[in-house]
Amino acid sequence: MSTPTLSREERTARLADLRAREAARKIVLRGKPLMELPLEQRIAFAIFDPGAIVPRGDNYQEPIHRWQARAVTYVLPKEA
């Protein structure tokens, strides 16, 4: 069974996704890691300050409302 090959765009999207998830894990708010806060607080943070989750090396050209929606997915539990 062969592994499906991803296009360059798909690889880039996956890498950006992984970087943003890692960035969300590193954020500390008031001395507590973001991912340890209650879900409602994580979602509020992702909506109101999505720029904190953007890995600084990535050049996102999405409108802010679309990036806010994407940022929320990075703070959701794995099961969601």
C-alpha atoms as a PDB file:
ATOM      1  CA  MET A   1       0.000   0.000   0.000  1.00  0.00           C
ATOM      2  CA  SER A   2       1.510   3.322  -1.027  1.00  0.00           C
ATOM      3  CA  THR A   3       1.424   6.558   0.902  1.00  0.00           C
ATOM      4  CA  PRO A   4      -0.587   9.272  -0.835  1.00  0.00           C
ATOM      5  CA  THR A   5       1.572  12.126  -2.075  1.00  0.00           C
ATOM      6  CA  LEU A   6       0.593  15.579  -0.937  1.00  0.00           C
ATOM      7  CA  SER A   7       0.826  18.622  -3.141  1.00  0.00           C
ATOM      8  CA  ARG A   8       3.098  21.471  -2.124  1.00  0.00           C
ATOM      9  CA  GLU A   9       0.056  23.501  -1.025  1.00  0.00           C
ATOM     10  CA  GLU A  10      -1.199  20.633   1.154  1.00  0.00           C
ATOM     11  CA  ARG A  11       2.225  20.189   2.765  1.00  0.00           C
ATOM     12  CA  THR A  12       2.465  23.942   3.402  1.00  0.00           C
ATOM     13  CA  ALA A  13      -1.026  23.998   4.953  1.00  0.00           C
ATOM     14  CA  ARG A  14      -0.208  21.069   7.240  1.00  0.00           C
ATOM     15  CA  LEU A  15       3.060  22.662   8.338  1.00  0.00           C
ATOM     16  CA  ALA A  16       1.297  25.968   9.106  1.00  0.00           C
ATOM     17  CA  ASP A  17      -1.323  24.033  11.096  1.00  0.00           C
ATOM     18  CA  LEU A  18       1.324  22.230  13.140  1.00  0.00           C
ATOM     19  CA  ARG A  19       3.210  25.471  13.800  1.00  0.00           C
ATOM     20  CA  ALA A  20       0.069  27.250  14.980  1.00  0.00           C
ATOM     21  CA  ARG A  21      -0.892  24.383  17.286  1.00  0.00           C
ATOM     22  CA  GLU A  22       2.618  24.427  18.747  1.00  0.00           C
ATOM     23  CA  ALA A  23       2.408  28.212  19.177  1.00  0.00           C
ATOM     24  CA  ALA A  24      -0.896  27.824  21.070  1.00  0.00           C
ATOM     25  CA  ARG A  25       0.747  25.300  23.415  1.00  0.00           C
ATOM     26  CA  LYS A  26       3.534  27.786  24.259  1.00  0.00           C
ATOM     27  CA  ILE A  27       1.279  30.735  25.180  1.00  0.00           C
ATOM     28  CA  VAL A  28       1.180  31.525  28.896  1.00  0.00           C
ATOM     29  CA  LEU A  29      -1.549  33.791  30.305  1.00  0.00           C
ATOM     30  CA  ARG A  30      -1.231  35.081  33.853  1.00  0.00           C
ATOM     31  CA  GLY A  31       1.344  32.418  34.661  1.00  0.00           C
ATOM     32  CA  LYS A  32      -0.782  29.539  33.372  1.00  0.00           C
ATOM     33  CA  PRO A  33      -0.406  27.793  30.000  1.00  0.00           C
ATOM     34  CA  LEU A  34      -3.232  28.693  27.605  1.00  0.00           C
ATOM     35  CA  MET A  35      -4.110  25.051  27.013  1.00  0.00           C
ATOM     36  CA  GLU A  36      -4.704  24.513  30.752  1.00  0.00           C
ATOM     37  CA  LEU A  37      -7.358  27.238  30.935  1.00  0.00           C
ATOM     38  CA  PRO A  38     -11.075  26.364  30.708  1.00  0.00           C
ATOM     39  CA  LEU A  39     -12.276  25.897  27.145  1.00  0.00           C
ATOM     40  CA  GLU A  40     -14.400  29.078  27.143  1.00  0.00           C
ATOM     41  CA  GLN A  41     -11.362  31.201  28.072  1.00  0.00           C
ATOM     42  CA  ARG A  42      -9.209  29.567  25.388  1.00  0.00           C
ATOM     43  CA  ILE A  43     -11.844  30.243  22.728  1.00  0.00           C
ATOM     44  CA  ALA A  44     -12.271  33.859  23.851  1.00  0.00           C
ATOM     45  CA  PHE A  45      -8.501  34.363  23.665  1.00  0.00           C
ATOM     46  CA  ALA A  46      -8.332  32.830  20.174  1.00  0.00           C
ATOM     47  CA  ILE A  47     -11.118  35.125  18.957  1.00  0.00           C
ATOM     48  CA  PHE A  48      -9.895  38.361  20.528  1.00  0.00           C
ATOM     49  CA  ASP A  49      -6.127  37.868  20.098  1.00  0.00           C
ATOM     50  CA  PRO A  50      -5.615  35.371  17.251  1.00  0.00           C
ATOM     51  CA  GLY A  51      -2.328  37.074  16.366  1.00  0.00           C
ATOM     52  CA  ALA A  52      -0.728  35.559  19.457  1.00  0.00           C
ATOM     53  CA  ILE A  53      -1.298  32.100  18.002  1.00  0.00           C
ATOM     54  CA  VAL A  54       0.127  32.923  14.559  1.00  0.00           C
ATOM     55  CA  PRO A  55       3.683  31.646  14.321  1.00  0.00           C
ATOM     56  CA  ARG A  56       5.651  34.822  13.614  1.00  0.00           C
ATOM     57  CA  GLY A  57       7.434  33.303  10.619  1.00  0.00           C
ATOM     58  CA  ASP A  58       4.231  32.594   8.698  1.00  0.00           C
ATOM     59  CA  ASN A  59       2.719  35.155   6.370  1.00  0.00           C
ATOM     60  CA  TYR A  60      -1.036  34.713   6.641  1.00  0.00           C
ATOM     61  CA  GLN A  61      -3.038  36.591   4.040  1.00  0.00           C
ATOM     62  CA  GLU A  62      -6.453  35.475   5.299  1.00  0.00           C
ATOM     63  CA  PRO A  63      -9.026  38.036   6.443  1.00  0.00           C
ATOM     64  CA  ILE A  64      -8.956  38.390  10.232  1.00  0.00           C
ATOM     65  CA  HIS A  65     -12.411  36.800  10.756  1.00  0.00           C
ATOM     66  CA  ARG A  66     -11.297  33.674   8.902  1.00  0.00           C
ATOM     67  CA  TRP A  67      -8.051  33.500  10.890  1.00  0.00           C
ATOM     68  CA  GLN A  68     -10.019  33.943  14.154  1.00  0.00           C
ATOM     69  CA  ALA A  69     -12.186  30.952  13.242  1.00  0.00           C
ATOM     70  CA  ARG A  70      -9.086  28.912  12.430  1.00  0.00           C
ATOM     71  CA  ALA A  71      -7.353  30.006  15.652  1.00  0.00           C
ATOM     72  CA  VAL A  72     -10.295  28.687  17.666  1.00  0.00           C
ATOM     73  CA  THR A  73      -9.698  25.211  16.232  1.00  0.00           C
ATOM     74  CA  TYR A  74      -6.139  25.285  17.630  1.00  0.00           C
ATOM     75  CA  VAL A  75      -7.365  25.677  21.217  1.00  0.00           C
ATOM     76  CA  LEU A  76     -10.081  23.017  21.073  1.00  0.00           C
ATOM     77  CA  PRO A  77      -9.471  19.620  22.688  1.00  0.00           C
ATOM     78  CA  LYS A  78      -8.280  16.849  20.394  1.00  0.00           C
ATOM     79  CA  GLU A  79     -11.647  15.057  20.715  1.00  0.00           C
ATOM     80  CA  ALA A  80     -13.586  18.038  19.318  1.00  0.00           C
END
